[in-house]
N, C-alpha and C. Protein backbone atom coordinates (compact mmCIF):
# COMPACT_ATOMS: atom_id res chain seq x y z
N UNK A 1 0.92 -1.12 -0.01
CA UNK A 1 0.03 -0.12 0.21
C UNK A 1 1.13 1.35 0.27
N UNK A 2 0.65 1.94 -0.77
CA UNK A 2 1.21 3.27 -0.75
C UNK A 2 1.00 4.48 0.65
N UNK A 3 2.25 5.10 0.97
CA UNK A 3 1.86 6.16 1.90
C UNK A 3 1.80 6.97 1.39
N UNK A 4 0.58 8.28 1.82
CA UNK A 4 0.47 9.50 1.25
C UNK A 4 1.59 10.25 1.94
N UNK A 5 2.04 11.64 1.45
CA UNK A 5 3.01 12.33 1.40
C UNK A 5 2.57 13.24 1.03
N UNK A 6 3.25 14.74 1.65
CA UNK A 6 2.93 16.12 0.70
C UNK A 6 4.07 16.25 -0.29
N UNK A 7 4.47 17.13 -0.81
CA UNK A 7 4.91 17.17 -2.01
C UNK A 7 6.52 18.21 -1.01
N UNK A 8 6.41 18.65 -0.17
CA UNK A 8 7.00 18.79 0.89
C UNK A 8 8.29 17.94 1.81
N UNK A 9 6.61 16.89 2.22
CA UNK A 9 7.64 15.57 2.92
C UNK A 9 8.71 15.09 1.48
N UNK A 10 7.66 14.42 0.39
CA UNK A 10 8.48 14.46 0.09
C UNK A 10 10.43 14.86 -1.14
N UNK A 11 9.74 15.96 -0.82
CA UNK A 11 11.13 16.55 -1.57
C UNK A 11 12.09 17.02 0.25
N UNK A 12 11.67 16.79 1.34
CA UNK A 12 13.03 16.70 1.78
C UNK A 12 13.33 15.57 1.96
N UNK A 13 12.32 14.49 1.60
CA UNK A 13 13.33 13.21 1.84
C UNK A 13 14.31 12.81 0.57
N UNK A 14 13.91 13.17 -0.32
CA UNK A 14 14.74 13.30 -1.71
C UNK A 14 15.69 14.53 -1.43
N UNK A 15 15.72 14.90 -0.46
CA UNK A 15 17.14 16.23 -0.73
C UNK A 15 18.50 15.60 0.36
N UNK A 16 17.08 14.97 1.43
CA UNK A 16 18.34 13.82 2.44
C UNK A 16 19.27 13.05 2.03
N UNK A 17 18.12 11.76 0.86
CA UNK A 17 18.93 10.91 0.12
C UNK A 17 20.37 11.21 -0.63
N UNK A 18 20.31 12.27 -1.61
CA UNK A 18 20.57 13.11 -2.06
C UNK A 18 22.02 13.29 -1.49
N UNK A 19 21.97 14.08 -0.31
CA UNK A 19 23.05 14.30 0.16
C UNK A 19 23.77 13.28 1.32
N UNK A 20 22.96 12.21 1.47
CA UNK A 20 23.62 10.92 2.01
C UNK A 20 24.83 10.34 0.85
N UNK A 21 23.90 10.70 -0.39
CA UNK A 21 24.34 9.68 -1.88
C UNK A 21 25.72 10.38 -2.38
N UNK A 22 25.34 11.47 -2.29
CA UNK A 22 26.10 12.43 -3.60
C UNK A 22 27.48 13.18 -2.21
N UNK A 23 27.34 13.51 -0.68
CA UNK A 23 28.21 13.80 0.08
C UNK A 23 28.46 12.64 1.16
N UNK A 24 27.93 12.55 1.81
CA UNK A 24 28.21 11.55 3.22
C UNK A 24 28.85 10.56 2.93
N UNK A 25 28.29 9.28 1.60
CA UNK A 25 28.56 8.12 1.03
C UNK A 25 30.73 8.63 0.61
N UNK A 26 30.55 9.04 -0.61
CA UNK A 26 32.31 9.67 -1.14
C UNK A 26 32.61 10.08 0.65
N UNK A 27 32.24 10.97 1.39
CA UNK A 27 33.31 11.34 2.40
C UNK A 27 33.75 10.78 3.91
N UNK A 28 32.76 9.41 3.62
CA UNK A 28 32.99 8.45 4.38
C UNK A 28 33.80 7.59 4.14
N UNK A 29 33.96 7.00 2.90
CA UNK A 29 34.46 6.13 1.97
C UNK A 29 36.47 6.94 1.84
N UNK A 30 36.45 8.35 2.20
CA UNK A 30 37.78 9.04 2.21
C UNK A 30 37.86 9.06 3.84
N UNK A 31 37.36 9.07 4.82
CA UNK A 31 37.64 8.68 6.07
C UNK A 31 38.24 7.31 6.48
N UNK A 32 37.44 6.13 5.89
CA UNK A 32 37.74 4.96 5.80
C UNK A 32 39.69 4.63 4.94
N UNK A 33 39.34 5.12 4.61
CA UNK A 33 41.01 5.13 3.09
C UNK A 33 41.69 5.55 4.23
N UNK A 34 41.82 7.16 4.93
CA UNK A 34 42.46 7.60 5.51
C UNK A 34 42.82 6.69 6.83
N UNK A 35 41.69 6.16 7.60
CA UNK A 35 42.22 5.58 8.81
C UNK A 35 42.95 4.09 8.62
N UNK A 36 42.30 3.49 7.36
CA UNK A 36 43.41 2.09 6.99
C UNK A 36 44.91 2.69 6.71
N UNK A 37 44.76 3.74 6.29
CA UNK A 37 46.56 3.83 6.37
C UNK A 37 47.20 4.21 7.24
N UNK A 38 46.57 4.36 8.21
CA UNK A 38 47.16 4.87 9.69
C UNK A 38 47.53 3.20 10.34
N UNK A 39 47.89 2.02 10.02
CA UNK A 39 47.68 0.66 10.01
C UNK A 39 46.88 -0.18 10.62
N UNK A 40 47.35 -1.06 11.66
CA UNK A 40 46.40 -1.99 12.55
C UNK A 40 45.30 -1.78 12.30
N UNK A 41 44.43 -2.69 12.10
CA UNK A 41 43.07 -2.16 11.77
C UNK A 41 42.12 -2.44 13.01
N UNK A 42 42.79 -3.44 13.69
CA UNK A 42 42.07 -4.37 14.97
C UNK A 42 42.36 -3.25 15.80
N UNK A 43 43.15 -2.26 16.30
CA UNK A 43 43.03 -1.73 17.46
C UNK A 43 43.07 -0.12 16.48
N UNK A 44 42.50 0.08 15.71
CA UNK A 44 42.24 1.85 14.71
C UNK A 44 40.83 2.19 15.10
N UNK A 45 40.66 2.46 15.96
CA UNK A 45 39.50 3.15 16.63
C UNK A 45 38.39 4.12 15.57
N UNK A 46 39.49 5.21 14.66
CA UNK A 46 39.04 5.91 13.73
C UNK A 46 38.41 5.21 13.13
N UNK A 47 39.33 3.76 12.39
CA UNK A 47 38.67 3.04 11.58
C UNK A 47 37.33 2.29 11.67
N UNK A 48 37.35 1.78 12.76
CA UNK A 48 35.81 1.20 13.49
C UNK A 48 34.58 2.53 13.19
N UNK A 49 35.05 3.55 13.62
CA UNK A 49 34.07 4.80 13.57
C UNK A 49 33.64 4.74 12.25
N UNK A 50 34.21 5.06 11.93
CA UNK A 50 33.87 5.22 10.07
C UNK A 50 32.91 3.87 9.28
N UNK A 51 33.90 2.71 9.95
CA UNK A 51 32.91 1.98 9.15
C UNK A 51 31.54 1.83 9.72
N UNK A 52 31.42 2.10 11.14
CA UNK A 52 30.02 2.25 11.76
C UNK A 52 29.14 3.20 11.05
N UNK A 53 29.91 4.71 10.81
CA UNK A 53 29.10 5.90 10.09
C UNK A 53 28.68 5.19 9.19
N UNK A 54 29.36 4.12 7.99
CA UNK A 54 29.21 3.76 6.87
C UNK A 54 28.10 3.06 6.62
N UNK A 55 28.06 2.46 8.26
CA UNK A 55 26.68 1.42 8.05
C UNK A 55 25.78 1.67 8.03
N UNK A 56 25.31 2.72 8.98
CA UNK A 56 24.35 3.98 9.29
C UNK A 56 23.93 4.33 7.83
N UNK A 57 24.85 5.29 7.21
CA UNK A 57 24.85 5.92 6.47
C UNK A 57 23.85 4.91 5.17
N UNK A 58 24.41 3.91 4.88
CA UNK A 58 23.82 2.80 3.97
C UNK A 58 22.52 2.45 4.42
N UNK A 59 22.10 1.99 5.78
CA UNK A 59 20.63 1.95 6.37
C UNK A 59 20.19 2.56 5.63
N UNK A 60 20.44 4.17 6.47
CA UNK A 60 19.83 5.32 6.17
C UNK A 60 19.05 5.71 4.76
N UNK A 61 20.25 5.05 3.61
CA UNK A 61 19.81 5.29 2.33
C UNK A 61 18.72 4.33 1.94
N UNK A 62 19.10 3.16 1.92
CA UNK A 62 17.75 2.21 2.07
C UNK A 62 16.51 2.11 2.63
N UNK A 63 16.71 3.00 4.04
CA UNK A 63 15.28 2.92 4.40
C UNK A 63 14.53 4.94 3.58
N UNK A 64 15.24 5.29 3.53
CA UNK A 64 14.46 6.75 2.38
C UNK A 64 13.89 6.02 1.17
N UNK A 65 14.86 5.06 0.29
CA UNK A 65 14.79 4.92 -0.55
C UNK A 65 13.55 3.94 -0.91
N UNK A 66 13.44 2.87 -0.12
CA UNK A 66 11.87 2.01 0.11
C UNK A 66 10.99 2.99 0.58
N UNK A 67 11.13 4.16 1.91
CA UNK A 67 10.61 5.36 1.88
C UNK A 67 9.48 6.05 0.59
N UNK A 68 10.33 6.41 -0.31
CA UNK A 68 10.39 6.62 -1.26
C UNK A 68 9.84 6.33 -2.92
N UNK A 69 9.57 4.86 -2.38
CA UNK A 69 9.33 4.03 -3.29
C UNK A 69 7.79 3.69 -3.34
N UNK A 70 7.43 4.04 -2.08
CA UNK A 70 6.02 3.43 -1.06
C UNK A 70 5.32 4.53 -1.59
N UNK A 71 6.00 5.80 -1.45
CA UNK A 71 5.59 7.04 -1.32
C UNK A 71 4.33 7.70 -2.66
N UNK A 72 3.06 8.04 -1.80
CA UNK A 72 2.75 8.50 -2.88
C UNK A 72 1.63 10.31 -2.71
N UNK A 73 2.90 11.18 -3.70
CA UNK A 73 1.71 12.57 -3.60
C UNK A 73 1.29 12.99 -3.36
N UNK A 74 0.46 13.71 -2.51
CA UNK A 74 -0.94 14.06 -2.42
C UNK A 74 -0.55 15.42 -2.37
N UNK A 75 -0.92 16.25 -3.50
CA UNK A 75 -1.61 17.90 -3.06
C UNK A 75 -2.34 18.20 -2.37
N UNK A 76 -2.66 18.52 -1.38
CA UNK A 76 -3.53 19.27 -0.50
C UNK A 76 -4.54 20.48 -0.84
N UNK A 77 -3.14 21.11 -1.61
CA UNK A 77 -4.02 22.20 -2.43
C UNK A 77 -5.65 22.10 -3.24
N UNK A 78 -5.00 20.58 -3.83
CA UNK A 78 -6.11 20.22 -4.78
C UNK A 78 -7.29 19.46 -3.95
N UNK A 79 -7.13 19.78 -2.57
CA UNK A 79 -8.21 19.10 -1.59
C UNK A 79 -9.21 20.06 -1.29
N UNK A 80 -10.38 19.91 -1.27
CA UNK A 80 -11.06 20.76 0.07
C UNK A 80 -10.84 20.86 1.50
N UNK A 81 -11.45 21.87 1.88
CA UNK A 81 -11.09 21.87 3.65
C UNK A 81 -11.71 22.81 3.98
N UNK A 82 -13.32 22.47 3.89
CA UNK A 82 -14.44 22.57 4.27
C UNK A 82 -13.79 22.20 5.64
N UNK A 83 -13.92 20.57 5.51
CA UNK A 83 -13.68 19.22 6.54
C UNK A 83 -12.45 19.08 6.27
N UNK A 84 -12.40 18.70 7.91
CA UNK A 84 -10.53 18.21 7.67
C UNK A 84 -10.24 16.66 6.98
N UNK A 85 -8.87 16.89 6.51
CA UNK A 85 -8.18 15.98 5.54
C UNK A 85 -7.06 16.03 5.51
N UNK A 86 -6.54 15.54 4.91
CA UNK A 86 -4.90 15.07 4.46
C UNK A 86 -4.73 16.18 4.16
N UNK A 87 -3.25 16.95 4.90
CA UNK A 87 -3.10 18.59 4.51
C UNK A 87 -3.97 19.60 4.92
N UNK A 88 -5.20 19.40 5.51
CA UNK A 88 -5.34 20.49 6.36
C UNK A 88 -4.78 21.07 7.75
N UNK A 89 -4.73 22.26 7.51
CA UNK A 89 -4.22 22.80 9.09
C UNK A 89 -5.49 23.11 10.16
N UNK A 90 -5.14 22.88 11.03
CA UNK A 90 -6.79 22.90 12.01
C UNK A 90 -5.80 23.53 13.42
N UNK A 91 -6.82 24.54 13.65
CA UNK A 91 -6.60 25.25 14.60
C UNK A 91 -7.95 25.17 15.67
N UNK A 92 -7.64 24.45 16.79
CA UNK A 92 -8.19 23.86 18.06
C UNK A 92 -8.24 24.56 19.06
N UNK A 93 -9.24 24.59 19.88
CA UNK A 93 -9.30 24.91 21.40
C UNK A 93 -9.28 23.91 22.40
N UNK A 94 -9.07 23.68 23.23
CA UNK A 94 -8.68 22.68 24.46
C UNK A 94 -10.02 23.32 25.35
N UNK A 95 -10.97 22.68 25.24
CA UNK A 95 -12.24 23.22 26.13
C UNK A 95 -12.14 23.32 27.67
N UNK A 96 -11.58 22.16 27.91
CA UNK A 96 -10.85 22.18 29.33
C UNK A 96 -9.90 23.50 30.01
N UNK A 97 -8.57 23.92 29.44
CA UNK A 97 -8.14 25.01 29.69
C UNK A 97 -7.94 26.08 28.61
N UNK A 98 -8.47 26.12 27.96
CA UNK A 98 -8.41 27.24 26.48
C UNK A 98 -7.65 27.66 25.87
N UNK A 99 -6.63 26.55 25.47
CA UNK A 99 -5.31 26.78 25.07
C UNK A 99 -5.72 26.05 23.83
N UNK A 100 -5.28 27.30 22.88
CA UNK A 100 -5.28 26.61 21.26
C UNK A 100 -4.62 26.19 20.99
N UNK A 101 -4.50 25.03 19.67
CA UNK A 101 -3.36 24.23 18.91
C UNK A 101 -3.39 24.48 17.65
N UNK A 102 -2.56 24.30 17.24
CA UNK A 102 -2.90 24.19 15.69
C UNK A 102 -1.48 23.08 15.15
N UNK A 103 -2.45 22.12 14.03
CA UNK A 103 -1.62 21.17 13.67
C UNK A 103 -1.82 21.16 11.74
N UNK A 104 -1.07 20.13 11.29
CA UNK A 104 -0.71 20.02 10.24
C UNK A 104 -0.96 18.46 9.66
N UNK A 105 -2.04 17.63 8.90
CA UNK A 105 -2.22 16.46 9.31
C UNK A 105 -1.72 16.08 8.15
N UNK A 106 -0.21 15.31 7.67
CA UNK A 106 0.52 14.55 7.14
C UNK A 106 0.83 13.31 6.91
N UNK A 107 1.25 12.87 6.08
CA UNK A 107 1.70 11.18 6.33
C UNK A 107 2.51 10.90 7.30
N UNK A 108 2.87 9.96 7.53
CA UNK A 108 3.49 9.33 8.75
C UNK A 108 4.86 9.17 8.62
N UNK A 109 5.83 9.43 7.64
CA UNK A 109 7.16 9.31 7.51
C UNK A 109 7.37 11.16 7.60
N UNK A 110 6.48 11.87 7.67
CA UNK A 110 7.02 13.03 7.06
C UNK A 110 6.49 14.22 8.83
N UNK A 111 5.42 13.47 9.32
CA UNK A 111 5.36 14.04 10.88
C UNK A 111 6.47 14.36 11.62
N UNK A 112 5.98 15.39 12.39
CA UNK A 112 7.24 16.40 13.06
C UNK A 112 6.43 17.11 13.92
N UNK A 113 5.57 16.12 14.99
CA UNK A 113 4.93 16.96 15.93
C UNK A 113 5.52 18.59 16.81
N UNK A 114 6.78 18.49 16.70
CA UNK A 114 7.09 19.80 17.54
C UNK A 114 7.22 21.16 16.27
N UNK A 115 7.00 20.41 15.13
CA UNK A 115 6.60 21.69 14.34
C UNK A 115 4.77 21.83 14.02
N UNK A 116 4.19 20.65 14.26
CA UNK A 116 2.77 21.08 14.50
C UNK A 116 2.75 19.34 13.07
N UNK A 117 3.13 19.21 12.57
CA UNK A 117 3.02 18.63 11.68
C UNK A 117 3.10 16.94 12.12
N UNK A 118 1.40 16.25 12.09
CA UNK A 118 1.29 15.65 12.71
C UNK A 118 0.52 14.51 11.67
N UNK A 119 0.53 12.78 12.05
CA UNK A 119 0.53 11.77 11.17
C UNK A 119 -1.12 11.55 11.16
N UNK A 120 -1.43 11.43 9.89
CA UNK A 120 -2.85 11.24 9.47
C UNK A 120 -3.44 10.19 10.31
N UNK A 121 -2.53 8.89 11.05
CA UNK A 121 -2.62 8.17 11.43
C UNK A 121 -2.63 8.36 13.28
N UNK A 122 -2.34 9.72 13.58
CA UNK A 122 -2.07 9.71 14.50
C UNK A 122 -3.62 9.82 15.40
N UNK A 123 -3.73 9.44 16.53
CA UNK A 123 -5.11 9.47 17.42
C UNK A 123 -5.63 11.28 17.48
N UNK A 124 -5.22 12.46 17.29
CA UNK A 124 -5.46 13.36 17.37
C UNK A 124 -5.99 13.45 15.88
N UNK A 125 -5.49 12.72 14.44
CA UNK A 125 -6.25 13.19 13.42
C UNK A 125 -7.38 12.25 13.04
N UNK A 126 -6.93 11.10 13.83
CA UNK A 126 -8.13 10.28 13.47
C UNK A 126 -9.28 11.22 14.28
N UNK A 127 -9.31 11.80 14.82
CA UNK A 127 -10.30 12.19 15.78
C UNK A 127 -10.92 13.17 14.89
N UNK A 128 -10.33 14.19 14.39
CA UNK A 128 -9.76 15.36 13.27
C UNK A 128 -10.75 15.07 12.37
N UNK A 129 -10.32 13.92 11.39
CA UNK A 129 -10.17 14.01 9.84
C UNK A 129 -11.90 13.59 9.98
N UNK A 130 -12.32 14.67 8.86
CA UNK A 130 -13.52 14.86 8.51
C UNK A 130 -14.90 15.66 9.19
N UNK A 131 -14.36 15.86 10.00
CA UNK A 131 -15.02 17.59 11.11
C UNK A 131 -14.59 18.55 10.52
N UNK A 132 -15.66 19.55 10.60
CA UNK A 132 -16.12 20.65 10.58
C UNK A 132 -15.76 21.74 11.62
N UNK A 133 -15.18 22.75 11.09
CA UNK A 133 -15.56 24.48 12.66
C UNK A 133 -16.85 23.82 13.29
N UNK A 134 -16.30 24.36 14.16
CA UNK A 134 -17.91 24.41 15.16
C UNK A 134 -17.67 23.22 16.08
N UNK A 135 -17.52 22.11 15.13
CA UNK A 135 -17.68 20.70 16.00
C UNK A 135 -16.84 20.26 16.64
N UNK A 136 -17.69 19.80 17.85
CA UNK A 136 -16.41 19.42 19.12
C UNK A 136 -16.16 18.13 18.90
N UNK A 137 -15.15 17.64 19.66
CA UNK A 137 -14.68 16.21 19.59
C UNK A 137 -13.93 15.93 20.60
N UNK A 138 -13.45 14.65 21.18
CA UNK A 138 -13.25 14.41 22.41
C UNK A 138 -12.27 13.53 21.83
N UNK A 139 -11.05 13.49 22.03
CA UNK A 139 -9.76 13.23 21.92
C UNK A 139 -8.89 12.57 23.14
N UNK A 140 -8.52 10.95 23.08
CA UNK A 140 -7.37 10.28 24.02
C UNK A 140 -6.53 10.66 23.81
N UNK A 141 -6.05 11.37 24.83
CA UNK A 141 -4.66 12.14 25.04
C UNK A 141 -3.98 11.03 26.11
N UNK A 142 -2.78 11.40 26.50
CA UNK A 142 -2.08 10.43 27.28
C UNK A 142 -2.46 10.78 28.88
N UNK A 143 -2.86 12.20 29.06
CA UNK A 143 -3.55 12.26 30.10
C UNK A 143 -4.78 12.03 30.34
N UNK A 144 -5.56 11.37 29.40
CA UNK A 144 -6.95 11.11 29.56
C UNK A 144 -7.70 11.49 28.41
N UNK A 145 -9.06 11.50 28.50
CA UNK A 145 -10.54 11.86 27.42
C UNK A 145 -9.70 14.08 27.40
N UNK A 146 -9.62 14.30 25.98
CA UNK A 146 -9.72 15.60 26.21
C UNK A 146 -10.97 16.42 25.25
N UNK A 147 -11.67 17.51 25.51
CA UNK A 147 -12.71 18.20 24.64
C UNK A 147 -12.00 18.86 24.22
N UNK A 148 -12.08 19.19 22.49
CA UNK A 148 -11.42 20.33 21.66
C UNK A 148 -12.84 21.09 20.85
N UNK A 149 -12.46 22.12 20.62
CA UNK A 149 -13.66 22.49 19.26
C UNK A 149 -12.63 23.16 18.43
N UNK A 150 -13.48 22.93 16.97
CA UNK A 150 -12.61 23.43 15.43
C UNK A 150 -13.09 24.90 15.43
N UNK A 151 -11.54 25.47 15.60
CA UNK A 151 -12.42 26.33 15.39
C UNK A 151 -11.83 27.47 13.87
N UNK A 152 -10.64 26.59 12.92
CA UNK A 152 -10.74 26.91 12.01
C UNK A 152 -10.10 25.67 11.05
N UNK A 153 -9.88 25.53 9.81
CA UNK A 153 -9.51 24.60 8.82
C UNK A 153 -9.02 25.45 7.52
N UNK A 154 -7.97 25.47 7.32
CA UNK A 154 -7.66 25.77 5.94
C UNK A 154 -6.39 24.53 5.29
N UNK A 155 -5.60 25.07 4.45
CA UNK A 155 -4.41 24.96 3.52
C UNK A 155 -3.42 25.77 4.21
N UNK A 156 -2.15 25.22 3.96
CA UNK A 156 -1.31 26.19 4.48
C UNK A 156 -0.32 25.53 3.71
N UNK A 157 0.54 26.04 2.41
CA UNK A 157 1.32 25.18 1.95
C UNK A 157 2.65 25.22 3.05
N UNK A 158 3.74 23.45 3.12
CA UNK A 158 4.29 23.58 4.16
C UNK A 158 5.48 23.86 3.80
N UNK A 159 6.71 24.00 4.47
CA UNK A 159 7.94 25.15 3.95
C UNK A 159 9.33 24.29 4.52
N UNK A 160 10.25 24.15 4.11
CA UNK A 160 11.34 24.02 5.29
C UNK A 160 11.25 24.72 6.17
């Protein structure tokens, strides 16, 4: 099954993959060669650290390649945002403490809660999808059930 992703998320992953292949991979190969030239590999901490870093880079390249192969870019600007959907930016009011939160619903591989980007599969997004401005929703959070009111739904382009 294809994983939905925004153009922003796709470009971010593609950029990381390009950097790993064109910059990081060649650099680590040079580091390994330099460390190898220092002699005995058994006791060469530089060499072992570089080889470990190389394994990490190769694993990340494989992971990103798989993510991109399974990604389906969806352009949220083409979707209606009268109701909460993929790509919607939603402003909600916590009815218990009057705090306002803003979330943008994105694909799971591009979610970044610290930036307000939440996965469409998260409990918050699942509770909001399909709802309209003015609707009240109960969302189960780690500290229990909390009631929210949807104040605003719109589309905002995500940028790096």
